[in-house]
Amino acid sequence: MATSAQATPTPAPGPAPTEEGIGGWATFAAIVLFLSGTFTGLYGLAAVLNDKAVTVGGRGVIVWDFTTWGWIHMGLAVVMIGTSLALYAGRNWARWTAVWLCILNAILQLTIITAFPIWSLVVIALDMTVMYQLTENWTRKESDWRRTA
């Protein structure tokens, strides 16, 4: 029995796939920002459609009424989701926009912390993760995605 040695093909030399697009940390931040925006939007929608859905034992939001709070959250969610898509597409402006949106979202989550402390802390943790990834783990390659915004 003769065995033929088959060599595994070596990949052609060239740039790694991530050199042309965004890096892993930026992709992770874009996905988490998308999730956080989706959660924020769904919760805002629940507040607009049914005020009782976001009331626990007579406690609710600290500021404004439920409908206003819901509309603000839905608007923020649309901007967060749009920014996450721009971040994934490699737009430079999306990096700092995402950081500021996460700051704003974390502050707005404090308005419902009396009614839903666990939910608020989870969303704040998601926002903090995005902020960390977009500030600490940003490499030179990722900041030079595109010269045009």
Protein backbone atom coordinates (compact mmCIF):
# COMPACT_ATOMS: atom_id res chain seq x y z
CA MET A 1 0.00 0.00 0.00
CA ALA A 2 1.45 3.23 -1.06
CA THR A 3 0.40 6.32 0.79
CA SER A 4 0.65 9.64 -0.85
CA ALA A 5 1.55 12.56 1.28
CA GLN A 6 -0.85 15.34 0.75
CA ALA A 7 0.32 18.74 1.71
CA THR A 8 -2.18 21.07 3.18
CA PRO A 9 -2.50 24.15 1.05
CA THR A 10 -0.97 27.25 2.55
CA PRO A 11 -2.96 30.43 2.39
CA ALA A 12 -1.88 32.97 -0.14
CA PRO A 13 0.18 35.77 1.31
CA GLY A 14 -1.72 38.95 1.83
CA PRO A 15 -3.44 41.04 4.40
CA ALA A 16 -5.46 39.45 7.16
CA PRO A 17 -9.22 39.88 6.79
CA THR A 18 -9.41 42.34 9.66
CA GLU A 19 -6.97 44.77 8.07
CA GLU A 20 -9.60 45.82 5.56
CA GLY A 21 -12.51 46.07 7.98
CA ILE A 22 -13.02 46.76 11.63
CA GLY A 23 -11.22 44.88 14.37
CA GLY A 24 -12.64 42.40 16.82
CA TRP A 25 -13.11 44.83 19.70
CA ALA A 26 -14.89 47.37 17.53
CA THR A 27 -17.15 44.64 16.17
CA PHE A 28 -17.91 43.50 19.71
CA ALA A 29 -18.71 47.08 20.77
CA ALA A 30 -20.98 47.56 17.73
CA ILE A 31 -22.92 44.38 18.54
CA VAL A 32 -23.30 45.23 22.24
CA LEU A 33 -24.37 48.79 21.36
CA PHE A 34 -26.96 47.33 18.98
CA LEU A 35 -28.27 45.07 21.77
CA SER A 36 -28.35 47.89 24.29
CA GLY A 37 -30.20 50.11 21.82
CA THR A 38 -32.69 47.34 21.09
CA PHE A 39 -33.34 46.75 24.79
CA THR A 40 -33.75 50.49 25.37
CA GLY A 41 -36.17 50.77 22.45
CA LEU A 42 -38.30 47.83 23.54
CA TYR A 43 -38.53 49.14 27.05
CA GLY A 44 -39.44 52.60 25.80
CA LEU A 45 -42.09 51.09 23.55
CA ALA A 46 -43.56 49.21 26.50
CA ALA A 47 -43.76 52.47 28.45
CA VAL A 48 -45.57 54.22 25.60
CA LEU A 49 -48.02 51.39 24.88
CA ASN A 50 -48.85 50.44 28.47
CA ASP A 51 -47.90 52.61 31.42
CA LYS A 52 -48.62 49.75 33.82
CA ALA A 53 -45.95 47.56 32.19
CA VAL A 54 -43.18 49.66 33.68
CA THR A 55 -44.71 50.22 37.11
CA VAL A 56 -43.73 47.97 39.99
CA GLY A 57 -45.60 48.30 43.25
CA GLY A 58 -46.56 51.90 42.56
CA ARG A 59 -42.97 52.88 41.83
CA GLY A 60 -41.93 53.99 38.40
CA VAL A 61 -39.65 56.49 36.76
CA ILE A 62 -38.10 59.22 38.87
CA VAL A 63 -38.48 62.03 36.35
CA TRP A 64 -41.24 62.85 33.85
CA ASP A 65 -44.19 60.62 33.21
CA PHE A 66 -44.08 57.20 31.61
CA THR A 67 -45.09 58.29 28.13
CA THR A 68 -42.45 61.01 27.92
CA TRP A 69 -39.85 58.64 29.34
CA GLY A 70 -40.81 56.01 26.75
CA TRP A 71 -40.56 58.41 23.80
CA ILE A 72 -37.15 59.63 24.96
CA HIS A 73 -35.92 56.06 25.23
CA MET A 74 -37.30 55.09 21.83
CA GLY A 75 -35.60 58.09 20.22
CA LEU A 76 -32.32 57.27 21.95
CA ALA A 77 -32.65 53.64 20.84
CA VAL A 78 -32.99 54.61 17.17
CA VAL A 79 -29.87 56.77 17.39
CA MET A 80 -27.97 54.00 19.25
CA ILE A 81 -28.89 51.37 16.67
CA GLY A 82 -27.97 53.70 13.80
CA THR A 83 -24.65 54.49 15.46
CA SER A 84 -23.93 50.80 16.00
CA LEU A 85 -24.46 50.16 12.29
CA ALA A 86 -22.18 53.08 11.43
CA LEU A 87 -19.61 51.76 13.89
CA TYR A 88 -19.75 48.37 12.21
CA ALA A 89 -19.35 50.08 8.83
CA GLY A 90 -16.18 51.71 10.09
CA ARG A 91 -17.21 55.34 10.37
CA ASN A 92 -14.84 57.34 12.59
CA TRP A 93 -17.56 59.64 13.91
CA ALA A 94 -19.44 56.63 15.27
CA ARG A 95 -16.79 55.84 17.88
CA TRP A 96 -17.23 58.92 20.04
CA THR A 97 -20.91 59.20 19.24
CA ALA A 98 -21.34 55.69 20.64
CA VAL A 99 -19.42 56.59 23.79
CA TRP A 100 -21.61 59.66 24.42
CA LEU A 101 -24.80 57.73 23.68
CA CYS A 102 -23.80 55.08 26.20
CA ILE A 103 -23.15 57.76 28.79
CA LEU A 104 -26.58 59.26 28.14
CA ASN A 105 -28.28 55.86 28.20
CA ALA A 106 -26.61 54.94 31.49
CA ILE A 107 -27.80 58.20 33.04
CA LEU A 108 -31.34 57.64 31.73
CA GLN A 109 -31.34 54.13 33.22
CA LEU A 110 -30.93 55.72 36.63
CA THR A 111 -34.43 57.17 36.22
CA ILE A 112 -35.95 53.68 36.55
CA ILE A 113 -33.52 52.17 39.03
CA THR A 114 -36.11 52.43 41.83
CA ALA A 115 -38.60 50.32 39.87
CA PHE A 116 -36.24 47.90 38.10
CA PRO A 117 -32.82 47.86 39.76
CA ILE A 118 -31.55 44.65 38.12
CA TRP A 119 -32.64 45.70 34.62
CA SER A 120 -31.07 49.13 35.05
CA LEU A 121 -27.79 47.66 36.25
CA VAL A 122 -27.66 45.19 33.35
CA VAL A 123 -28.18 47.93 30.76
CA ILE A 124 -25.66 50.18 32.51
CA ALA A 125 -23.17 47.29 32.45
CA LEU A 126 -23.73 46.87 28.70
CA ASP A 127 -23.15 50.59 28.20
CA MET A 128 -19.98 50.51 30.29
CA THR A 129 -18.71 47.56 28.24
CA VAL A 130 -19.19 49.49 25.01
CA MET A 131 -17.48 52.56 26.46
CA TYR A 132 -14.54 50.45 27.62
CA GLN A 133 -14.13 48.69 24.29
CA LEU A 134 -14.28 51.91 22.30
CA THR A 135 -11.79 53.77 24.49
CA GLU A 136 -9.33 51.29 25.96
CA ASN A 137 -9.13 48.69 23.19
CA TRP A 138 -9.05 51.04 20.24
CA THR A 139 -5.97 50.41 18.12
CA ARG A 140 -4.33 52.66 15.58
CA LYS A 141 -5.56 50.40 12.80
CA GLU A 142 -9.16 50.70 13.97
CA SER A 143 -8.95 54.48 14.26
CA ASP A 144 -7.81 54.72 10.64
CA TRP A 145 -10.74 52.82 9.14
CA ARG A 146 -11.65 55.52 6.78
CA ARG A 147 -10.30 59.00 6.42
CA THR A 148 -13.71 60.35 5.47
CA ALA A 149 -16.53 60.41 7.94
